[in-house]
Amino acid sequence: MKKLFKVAFFYSFIVITTISVAYGIFFINQIRCIMVSYSGTGLREVDNGIYVDPEMDDIEVQLLLLNIEQSRDRVSLFFDSITASPTIIAGPSKDIMKKYGANLRSPGMNHITFLGTYIVLGPGGLNRDVISHELVHSELVSRVGWVNRETKIPTWFDEGLALMLDYRYANSDAMWMMLTSNGKNAPELPELANMHDFMRYTEKSPFFSYVTSMREVSRWWNIVGLEGFNEFSELLKQGYSFEEAYQMTESRYTFPDVGK
């Protein structure tokens, strides 16, 4: 029995060590974000949960803080409140995105982890549109739960919702009509369900996946509104699949007597 226990312990140790090393290799940027509050990172905390490159001067920092505050107001107005409190890491150089974000040509990104969400803003992401976009990702996690977001929410919904508060896409309908030849070349939503396929479509056009997602989520939101979104979130927490919650909520608000 003791020998069996020792063998089991040995192999468990090997498996746990292997997983930990693999996570450290493939998710090093996330680990750096999680450890950002500890000394030695070289970043400067300018407000609660907001860290910046020490090379940012005071004027740049104050402008960033103003943009974050106004972005939070934008999100709070849309959702009637703001429940998420992500850690924000920002800098005016590409080094921040390289070290804490990812090697993507993106002005900002969001690490969604079970320990919290971490927004990373590069030189092109210090404005209200990008910040608002990333805050919506964090807000969605806060409202539906980390497990539901990771296992149920398709990428097109996550991105489409974020784009509703990203005014860079204010003319998304016209852009969608042009890029898809009036819908003839539009991708089906299941083709945009995971990030890999979502990003694959951006090879055809940087905006192809995004405007398609926003078009659908805007359509749905205009039917259900905030009240419907809150019901949708509760249905997910109760164990319904994304498809069930999405369709049930839409039916409920398209035909108000359904479910009464």
C-alpha atoms as a PDB file:
ATOM      1  CA  MET A   1       0.000   0.000   0.000  1.00  0.00           C
ATOM      2  CA  LYS A   2       2.825   2.392   0.911  1.00  0.00           C
ATOM      3  CA  LYS A   3       4.584   1.589  -2.337  1.00  0.00           C
ATOM      4  CA  LEU A   4       1.404   2.305  -4.323  1.00  0.00           C
ATOM      5  CA  PHE A   5       1.003   5.619  -2.484  1.00  0.00           C
ATOM      6  CA  LYS A   6       4.602   6.587  -3.253  1.00  0.00           C
ATOM      7  CA  VAL A   7       4.163   5.759  -6.950  1.00  0.00           C
ATOM      8  CA  ALA A   8       0.916   7.742  -7.107  1.00  0.00           C
ATOM      9  CA  PHE A   9       2.554  10.677  -5.310  1.00  0.00           C
ATOM     10  CA  PHE A  10       5.567  10.586  -7.642  1.00  0.00           C
ATOM     11  CA  TYR A  11       3.474  10.625 -10.816  1.00  0.00           C
ATOM     12  CA  SER A  12       1.148  13.292  -9.415  1.00  0.00           C
ATOM     13  CA  PHE A  13       4.175  15.428  -8.660  1.00  0.00           C
ATOM     14  CA  ILE A  14       5.471  14.945 -12.215  1.00  0.00           C
ATOM     15  CA  VAL A  15       2.100  15.857 -13.745  1.00  0.00           C
ATOM     16  CA  ILE A  16       1.647  18.967 -11.572  1.00  0.00           C
ATOM     17  CA  THR A  17       5.220  20.105 -12.234  1.00  0.00           C
ATOM     18  CA  THR A  18       4.831  19.571 -15.986  1.00  0.00           C
ATOM     19  CA  ILE A  19       1.565  21.519 -16.069  1.00  0.00           C
ATOM     20  CA  SER A  20       3.077  24.351 -14.012  1.00  0.00           C
ATOM     21  CA  VAL A  21       6.134  24.611 -16.264  1.00  0.00           C
ATOM     22  CA  ALA A  22       3.968  24.491 -19.403  1.00  0.00           C
ATOM     23  CA  TYR A  23       1.725  27.231 -18.031  1.00  0.00           C
ATOM     24  CA  GLY A  24       4.756  29.324 -17.171  1.00  0.00           C
ATOM     25  CA  ILE A  25       6.104  28.961 -20.703  1.00  0.00           C
ATOM     26  CA  PHE A  26       2.909  29.552 -22.653  1.00  0.00           C
ATOM     27  CA  PHE A  27       1.246  32.055 -20.328  1.00  0.00           C
ATOM     28  CA  ILE A  28       4.211  34.054 -19.123  1.00  0.00           C
ATOM     29  CA  ASN A  29       2.466  37.349 -19.969  1.00  0.00           C
ATOM     30  CA  GLN A  30      -0.474  36.428 -17.758  1.00  0.00           C
ATOM     31  CA  ILE A  31       1.848  35.501 -14.911  1.00  0.00           C
ATOM     32  CA  ARG A  32       3.592  38.876 -15.196  1.00  0.00           C
ATOM     33  CA  CYS A  33       0.210  40.600 -14.997  1.00  0.00           C
ATOM     34  CA  ILE A  34      -0.835  38.578 -11.951  1.00  0.00           C
ATOM     35  CA  MET A  35       2.454  39.469 -10.235  1.00  0.00           C
ATOM     36  CA  VAL A  36       2.324  43.148 -11.192  1.00  0.00           C
ATOM     37  CA  SER A  37       1.455  44.351  -7.694  1.00  0.00           C
ATOM     38  CA  TYR A  38       4.651  42.874  -6.265  1.00  0.00           C
ATOM     39  CA  SER A  39       7.823  44.920  -6.113  1.00  0.00           C
ATOM     40  CA  GLY A  40      10.445  44.496  -8.777  1.00  0.00           C
ATOM     41  CA  THR A  41       8.225  44.845 -11.846  1.00  0.00           C
ATOM     42  CA  GLY A  42       9.491  48.343 -12.554  1.00  0.00           C
ATOM     43  CA  LEU A  43       5.984  49.704 -13.078  1.00  0.00           C
ATOM     44  CA  ARG A  44       4.514  52.611 -11.171  1.00  0.00           C
ATOM     45  CA  GLU A  45       1.100  52.371  -9.498  1.00  0.00           C
ATOM     46  CA  VAL A  46      -0.646  55.706 -10.139  1.00  0.00           C
ATOM     47  CA  ASP A  47      -4.040  54.743  -8.770  1.00  0.00           C
ATOM     48  CA  ASN A  48      -5.650  51.705  -7.205  1.00  0.00           C
ATOM     49  CA  GLY A  49      -5.030  48.835  -9.644  1.00  0.00           C
ATOM     50  CA  ILE A  50      -3.577  51.072 -12.380  1.00  0.00           C
ATOM     51  CA  TYR A  51       0.097  50.567 -13.277  1.00  0.00           C
ATOM     52  CA  VAL A  52       2.058  52.521 -15.842  1.00  0.00           C
ATOM     53  CA  ASP A  53       5.433  52.562 -17.492  1.00  0.00           C
ATOM     54  CA  PRO A  54       7.657  54.790 -15.309  1.00  0.00           C
ATOM     55  CA  GLU A  55       8.650  56.696 -18.450  1.00  0.00           C
ATOM     56  CA  MET A  56       5.159  58.209 -18.666  1.00  0.00           C
ATOM     57  CA  ASP A  57       5.290  61.826 -17.560  1.00  0.00           C
ATOM     58  CA  ASP A  58       2.724  63.378 -15.231  1.00  0.00           C
ATOM     59  CA  ILE A  59       0.667  64.907 -18.033  1.00  0.00           C
ATOM     60  CA  GLU A  60       0.417  61.563 -19.848  1.00  0.00           C
ATOM     61  CA  VAL A  61      -0.581  59.854 -16.599  1.00  0.00           C
ATOM     62  CA  GLN A  62      -3.283  62.414 -15.810  1.00  0.00           C
ATOM     63  CA  LEU A  63      -4.682  62.109 -19.334  1.00  0.00           C
ATOM     64  CA  LEU A  64      -4.748  58.319 -19.009  1.00  0.00           C
ATOM     65  CA  LEU A  65      -6.534  58.504 -15.647  1.00  0.00           C
ATOM     66  CA  LEU A  66      -9.097  60.901 -17.132  1.00  0.00           C
ATOM     67  CA  ASN A  67      -9.692  58.582 -20.083  1.00  0.00           C
ATOM     68  CA  ILE A  68     -10.114  55.602 -17.743  1.00  0.00           C
ATOM     69  CA  GLU A  69     -12.582  57.529 -15.590  1.00  0.00           C
ATOM     70  CA  GLN A  70     -14.632  58.634 -18.599  1.00  0.00           C
ATOM     71  CA  SER A  71     -14.531  55.117 -20.050  1.00  0.00           C
ATOM     72  CA  ARG A  72     -15.855  53.731 -16.790  1.00  0.00           C
ATOM     73  CA  ASP A  73     -18.640  56.311 -16.921  1.00  0.00           C
ATOM     74  CA  ARG A  74     -19.471  55.180 -20.464  1.00  0.00           C
ATOM     75  CA  VAL A  75     -19.653  51.528 -19.403  1.00  0.00           C
ATOM     76  CA  SER A  76     -21.559  52.327 -16.216  1.00  0.00           C
ATOM     77  CA  LEU A  77     -24.164  54.300 -18.156  1.00  0.00           C
ATOM     78  CA  PHE A  78     -24.635  51.431 -20.618  1.00  0.00           C
ATOM     79  CA  PHE A  79     -24.946  48.696 -17.964  1.00  0.00           C
ATOM     80  CA  ASP A  80     -26.585  50.953 -15.362  1.00  0.00           C
ATOM     81  CA  SER A  81     -23.604  50.249 -13.080  1.00  0.00           C
ATOM     82  CA  ILE A  82     -20.099  48.867 -13.289  1.00  0.00           C
ATOM     83  CA  THR A  83     -19.214  45.749 -11.319  1.00  0.00           C
ATOM     84  CA  ALA A  84     -15.793  44.790 -12.669  1.00  0.00           C
ATOM     85  CA  SER A  85     -12.545  46.087 -11.213  1.00  0.00           C
ATOM     86  CA  PRO A  86      -9.802  44.940 -13.589  1.00  0.00           C
ATOM     87  CA  THR A  87      -6.123  45.673 -13.108  1.00  0.00           C
ATOM     88  CA  ILE A  88      -4.910  48.059 -15.824  1.00  0.00           C
ATOM     89  CA  ILE A  89      -1.341  48.115 -17.142  1.00  0.00           C
ATOM     90  CA  ALA A  90      -0.468  50.867 -19.612  1.00  0.00           C
ATOM     91  CA  GLY A  91       2.481  52.395 -21.391  1.00  0.00           C
ATOM     92  CA  PRO A  92       3.305  54.668 -24.335  1.00  0.00           C
ATOM     93  CA  SER A  93       5.725  52.165 -25.908  1.00  0.00           C
ATOM     94  CA  LYS A  94       5.348  48.739 -27.505  1.00  0.00           C
ATOM     95  CA  ASP A  95       7.401  47.234 -24.681  1.00  0.00           C
ATOM     96  CA  ILE A  96       4.347  47.086 -22.407  1.00  0.00           C
ATOM     97  CA  MET A  97       2.347  45.043 -24.916  1.00  0.00           C
ATOM     98  CA  LYS A  98       5.334  42.795 -25.535  1.00  0.00           C
ATOM     99  CA  LYS A  99       5.991  42.065 -21.878  1.00  0.00           C
ATOM    100  CA  TYR A 100       2.471  42.025 -20.431  1.00  0.00           C
ATOM    101  CA  GLY A 101       0.228  41.628 -23.459  1.00  0.00           C
ATOM    102  CA  ALA A 102       1.003  39.602 -26.541  1.00  0.00           C
ATOM    103  CA  ASN A 103       2.843  39.886 -29.823  1.00  0.00           C
ATOM    104  CA  LEU A 104      -0.279  41.163 -31.552  1.00  0.00           C
ATOM    105  CA  ARG A 105      -0.812  44.276 -33.614  1.00  0.00           C
ATOM    106  CA  SER A 106      -3.404  45.389 -31.121  1.00  0.00           C
ATOM    107  CA  PRO A 107      -3.643  48.644 -29.151  1.00  0.00           C
ATOM    108  CA  GLY A 108      -5.037  46.811 -26.136  1.00  0.00           C
ATOM    109  CA  MET A 109      -5.978  43.396 -24.829  1.00  0.00           C
ATOM    110  CA  ASN A 110      -7.494  41.647 -21.845  1.00  0.00           C
ATOM    111  CA  HIS A 111      -6.161  38.648 -19.951  1.00  0.00           C
ATOM    112  CA  ILE A 112      -9.167  36.813 -18.506  1.00  0.00           C
ATOM    113  CA  THR A 113      -8.005  34.607 -15.623  1.00  0.00           C
ATOM    114  CA  PHE A 114      -9.707  32.917 -12.682  1.00  0.00           C
ATOM    115  CA  LEU A 115      -7.767  35.326 -10.446  1.00  0.00           C
ATOM    116  CA  GLY A 116      -9.140  38.407 -12.186  1.00  0.00           C
ATOM    117  CA  THR A 117      -8.954  40.361 -15.424  1.00  0.00           C
ATOM    118  CA  TYR A 118      -5.916  42.324 -16.554  1.00  0.00           C
ATOM    119  CA  ILE A 119      -6.197  45.019 -19.205  1.00  0.00           C
ATOM    120  CA  VAL A 120      -2.989  45.844 -21.073  1.00  0.00           C
ATOM    121  CA  LEU A 121      -2.856  49.081 -23.091  1.00  0.00           C
ATOM    122  CA  GLY A 122      -0.125  49.848 -25.593  1.00  0.00           C
ATOM    123  CA  PRO A 123       0.699  53.168 -27.267  1.00  0.00           C
ATOM    124  CA  GLY A 124      -2.440  53.086 -29.431  1.00  0.00           C
ATOM    125  CA  GLY A 125      -4.729  52.027 -26.617  1.00  0.00           C
ATOM    126  CA  LEU A 126      -4.591  54.923 -24.168  1.00  0.00           C
ATOM    127  CA  ASN A 127      -7.833  56.431 -25.466  1.00  0.00           C
ATOM    128  CA  ARG A 128     -11.449  56.096 -24.338  1.00  0.00           C
ATOM    129  CA  ASP A 129     -12.593  53.832 -27.162  1.00  0.00           C
ATOM    130  CA  VAL A 130      -9.996  51.124 -26.587  1.00  0.00           C
ATOM    131  CA  ILE A 131     -10.309  51.405 -22.796  1.00  0.00           C
ATOM    132  CA  SER A 132     -14.114  51.175 -22.979  1.00  0.00           C
ATOM    133  CA  HIS A 133     -13.811  48.161 -25.279  1.00  0.00           C
ATOM    134  CA  GLU A 134     -11.576  46.328 -22.817  1.00  0.00           C
ATOM    135  CA  LEU A 135     -13.686  47.329 -19.816  1.00  0.00           C
ATOM    136  CA  VAL A 136     -16.728  45.684 -21.425  1.00  0.00           C
ATOM    137  CA  HIS A 137     -14.814  42.395 -21.684  1.00  0.00           C
ATOM    138  CA  SER A 138     -14.108  42.626 -17.954  1.00  0.00           C
ATOM    139  CA  GLU A 139     -17.700  43.577 -17.197  1.00  0.00           C
ATOM    140  CA  LEU A 140     -19.053  40.569 -19.080  1.00  0.00           C
ATOM    141  CA  VAL A 141     -16.843  38.239 -17.022  1.00  0.00           C
ATOM    142  CA  SER A 142     -17.987  39.912 -13.826  1.00  0.00           C
ATOM    143  CA  ARG A 143     -21.659  39.486 -14.726  1.00  0.00           C
ATOM    144  CA  VAL A 144     -21.756  35.950 -16.111  1.00  0.00           C
ATOM    145  CA  GLY A 145     -18.858  34.441 -14.142  1.00  0.00           C
ATOM    146  CA  TRP A 146     -15.416  33.294 -15.255  1.00  0.00           C
ATOM    147  CA  VAL A 147     -16.422  29.673 -15.930  1.00  0.00           C
ATOM    148  CA  ASN A 148     -19.427  30.664 -18.031  1.00  0.00           C
ATOM    149  CA  ARG A 149     -17.383  33.158 -19.989  1.00  0.00           C
ATOM    150  CA  GLU A 150     -14.675  30.609 -20.718  1.00  0.00           C
ATOM    151  CA  THR A 151     -16.938  27.669 -21.538  1.00  0.00           C
ATOM    152  CA  LYS A 152     -20.120  29.185 -22.982  1.00  0.00           C
ATOM    153  CA  ILE A 153     -19.606  32.655 -24.457  1.00  0.00           C
ATOM    154  CA  PRO A 154     -18.605  32.614 -28.152  1.00  0.00           C
ATOM    155  CA  THR A 155     -15.984  35.100 -29.257  1.00  0.00           C
ATOM    156  CA  TRP A 156     -18.401  36.894 -31.586  1.00  0.00           C
ATOM    157  CA  PHE A 157     -20.666  37.785 -28.655  1.00  0.00           C
ATOM    158  CA  ASP A 158     -17.815  38.906 -26.423  1.00  0.00           C
ATOM    159  CA  GLU A 159     -16.321  41.109 -29.148  1.00  0.00           C
ATOM    160  CA  GLY A 160     -19.657  42.332 -30.506  1.00  0.00           C
ATOM    161  CA  LEU A 161     -20.735  43.506 -27.061  1.00  0.00           C
ATOM    162  CA  ALA A 162     -17.429  45.313 -26.500  1.00  0.00           C
ATOM    163  CA  LEU A 163     -17.738  47.074 -29.858  1.00  0.00           C
ATOM    164  CA  MET A 164     -21.048  48.621 -28.870  1.00  0.00           C
ATOM    165  CA  LEU A 165     -19.092  50.989 -26.620  1.00  0.00           C
ATOM    166  CA  ASP A 166     -16.135  51.322 -28.979  1.00  0.00           C
ATOM    167  CA  TYR A 167     -16.993  54.357 -31.077  1.00  0.00           C
ATOM    168  CA  ARG A 168     -14.280  53.586 -33.598  1.00  0.00           C
ATOM    169  CA  TYR A 169     -16.936  51.288 -35.085  1.00  0.00           C
ATOM    170  CA  ALA A 170     -19.761  53.841 -35.145  1.00  0.00           C
ATOM    171  CA  ASN A 171     -20.293  53.196 -38.877  1.00  0.00           C
ATOM    172  CA  SER A 172     -20.115  49.408 -38.564  1.00  0.00           C
ATOM    173  CA  ASP A 173     -23.280  48.774 -40.604  1.00  0.00           C
ATOM    174  CA  ALA A 174     -21.942  50.635 -43.620  1.00  0.00           C
ATOM    175  CA  MET A 175     -18.570  48.946 -43.181  1.00  0.00           C
ATOM    176  CA  TRP A 176     -20.250  45.519 -42.963  1.00  0.00           C
ATOM    177  CA  MET A 177     -22.238  46.133 -46.165  1.00  0.00           C
ATOM    178  CA  MET A 178     -19.087  47.155 -48.010  1.00  0.00           C
ATOM    179  CA  LEU A 179     -16.822  44.376 -46.710  1.00  0.00           C
ATOM    180  CA  THR A 180     -19.353  41.578 -47.222  1.00  0.00           C
ATOM    181  CA  SER A 181     -20.814  42.799 -50.540  1.00  0.00           C
ATOM    182  CA  ASN A 182     -24.183  43.477 -48.914  1.00  0.00           C
ATOM    183  CA  GLY A 183     -24.000  40.307 -46.861  1.00  0.00           C
ATOM    184  CA  LYS A 184     -23.071  37.876 -49.655  1.00  0.00           C
ATOM    185  CA  ASN A 185     -19.647  37.137 -48.170  1.00  0.00           C
ATOM    186  CA  ALA A 186     -20.565  37.486 -44.503  1.00  0.00           C
ATOM    187  CA  PRO A 187     -19.274  34.675 -42.276  1.00  0.00           C
ATOM    188  CA  GLU A 188     -21.757  32.574 -40.328  1.00  0.00           C
ATOM    189  CA  LEU A 189     -21.681  33.247 -36.594  1.00  0.00           C
ATOM    190  CA  PRO A 190     -20.561  29.676 -35.709  1.00  0.00           C
ATOM    191  CA  GLU A 191     -17.454  30.399 -37.784  1.00  0.00           C
ATOM    192  CA  LEU A 192     -16.594  33.183 -35.327  1.00  0.00           C
ATOM    193  CA  ALA A 193     -17.219  31.177 -32.175  1.00  0.00           C
ATOM    194  CA  ASN A 194     -13.590  30.838 -31.053  1.00  0.00           C
ATOM    195  CA  MET A 195     -10.754  33.321 -31.083  1.00  0.00           C
ATOM    196  CA  HIS A 196      -8.619  31.331 -33.525  1.00  0.00           C
ATOM    197  CA  ASP A 197     -11.276  31.365 -36.254  1.00  0.00           C
ATOM    198  CA  PHE A 198     -12.317  34.896 -35.342  1.00  0.00           C
ATOM    199  CA  MET A 199      -8.787  36.147 -35.945  1.00  0.00           C
ATOM    200  CA  ARG A 200      -8.433  34.037 -39.095  1.00  0.00           C
ATOM    201  CA  TYR A 201     -11.144  36.122 -40.731  1.00  0.00           C
ATOM    202  CA  THR A 202      -9.232  39.287 -39.940  1.00  0.00           C
ATOM    203  CA  GLU A 203      -6.635  38.122 -42.467  1.00  0.00           C
ATOM    204  CA  LYS A 204      -9.204  38.925 -45.162  1.00  0.00           C
ATOM    205  CA  SER A 205      -9.904  42.286 -43.565  1.00  0.00           C
ATOM    206  CA  PRO A 206      -8.898  43.736 -40.186  1.00  0.00           C
ATOM    207  CA  PHE A 207     -12.562  44.552 -39.500  1.00  0.00           C
ATOM    208  CA  PHE A 208     -14.401  41.616 -41.088  1.00  0.00           C
ATOM    209  CA  SER A 209     -15.034  39.599 -37.912  1.00  0.00           C
ATOM    210  CA  TYR A 210     -15.632  42.632 -35.740  1.00  0.00           C
ATOM    211  CA  VAL A 211     -18.343  44.355 -37.753  1.00  0.00           C
ATOM    212  CA  THR A 212     -20.148  41.042 -38.331  1.00  0.00           C
ATOM    213  CA  SER A 213     -20.177  40.428 -34.574  1.00  0.00           C
ATOM    214  CA  MET A 214     -21.300  43.932 -33.700  1.00  0.00           C
ATOM    215  CA  ARG A 215     -24.121  43.798 -36.233  1.00  0.00           C
ATOM    216  CA  GLU A 216     -25.594  40.688 -34.590  1.00  0.00           C
ATOM    217  CA  VAL A 217     -25.097  41.735 -30.966  1.00  0.00           C
ATOM    218  CA  SER A 218     -26.536  45.202 -31.670  1.00  0.00           C
ATOM    219  CA  ARG A 219     -29.590  43.574 -33.268  1.00  0.00           C
ATOM    220  CA  TRP A 220     -30.083  41.351 -30.216  1.00  0.00           C
ATOM    221  CA  TRP A 221     -29.471  44.145 -27.692  1.00  0.00           C
ATOM    222  CA  ASN A 222     -31.971  46.446 -29.431  1.00  0.00           C
ATOM    223  CA  ILE A 223     -34.598  43.759 -28.790  1.00  0.00           C
ATOM    224  CA  VAL A 224     -33.754  42.697 -25.227  1.00  0.00           C
ATOM    225  CA  GLY A 225     -32.051  45.762 -23.764  1.00  0.00           C
ATOM    226  CA  LEU A 226     -30.306  45.817 -20.395  1.00  0.00           C
ATOM    227  CA  GLU A 227     -33.145  43.999 -18.651  1.00  0.00           C
ATOM    228  CA  GLY A 228     -32.936  41.168 -21.167  1.00  0.00           C
ATOM    229  CA  PHE A 229     -29.158  41.053 -20.874  1.00  0.00           C
ATOM    230  CA  ASN A 230     -29.457  40.668 -17.104  1.00  0.00           C
ATOM    231  CA  GLU A 231     -31.938  37.813 -17.578  1.00  0.00           C
ATOM    232  CA  PHE A 232     -29.603  36.250 -20.132  1.00  0.00           C
ATOM    233  CA  SER A 233     -26.756  36.379 -17.588  1.00  0.00           C
ATOM    234  CA  GLU A 234     -28.911  34.705 -14.945  1.00  0.00           C
ATOM    235  CA  LEU A 235     -29.929  31.937 -17.340  1.00  0.00           C
ATOM    236  CA  LEU A 236     -26.260  31.167 -17.979  1.00  0.00           C
ATOM    237  CA  LYS A 237     -25.632  30.967 -14.245  1.00  0.00           C
ATOM    238  CA  GLN A 238     -28.588  28.597 -13.909  1.00  0.00           C
ATOM    239  CA  GLY A 239     -26.920  26.166 -16.302  1.00  0.00           C
ATOM    240  CA  TYR A 240     -28.481  26.998 -19.650  1.00  0.00           C
ATOM    241  CA  SER A 241     -26.243  26.937 -22.713  1.00  0.00           C
ATOM    242  CA  PHE A 242     -25.389  30.159 -24.498  1.00  0.00           C
ATOM    243  CA  GLU A 243     -27.694  29.289 -27.406  1.00  0.00           C
ATOM    244  CA  GLU A 244     -30.609  28.531 -25.076  1.00  0.00           C
ATOM    245  CA  ALA A 245     -30.162  31.701 -23.014  1.00  0.00           C
ATOM    246  CA  TYR A 246     -29.653  33.871 -26.106  1.00  0.00           C
ATOM    247  CA  GLN A 247     -32.758  32.578 -27.904  1.00  0.00           C
ATOM    248  CA  MET A 248     -34.954  32.397 -24.806  1.00  0.00           C
ATOM    249  CA  THR A 249     -34.205  35.993 -23.935  1.00  0.00           C
ATOM    250  CA  GLU A 250     -34.828  37.211 -27.469  1.00  0.00           C
ATOM    251  CA  SER A 251     -38.123  35.297 -27.662  1.00  0.00           C
ATOM    252  CA  ARG A 252     -39.186  36.671 -24.291  1.00  0.00           C
ATOM    253  CA  TYR A 253     -38.775  40.267 -25.482  1.00  0.00           C
ATOM    254  CA  THR A 254     -39.954  39.715 -29.050  1.00  0.00           C
ATOM    255  CA  PHE A 255     -43.103  38.001 -27.752  1.00  0.00           C
ATOM    256  CA  PRO A 256     -43.590  39.439 -24.230  1.00  0.00           C
ATOM    257  CA  ASP A 257     -46.211  36.873 -23.223  1.00  0.00           C
ATOM    258  CA  VAL A 258     -43.752  33.956 -23.618  1.00  0.00           C
ATOM    259  CA  GLY A 259     -42.848  32.538 -20.219  1.00  0.00           C
ATOM    260  CA  LYS A 260     -45.604  34.370 -18.358  1.00  0.00           C
END
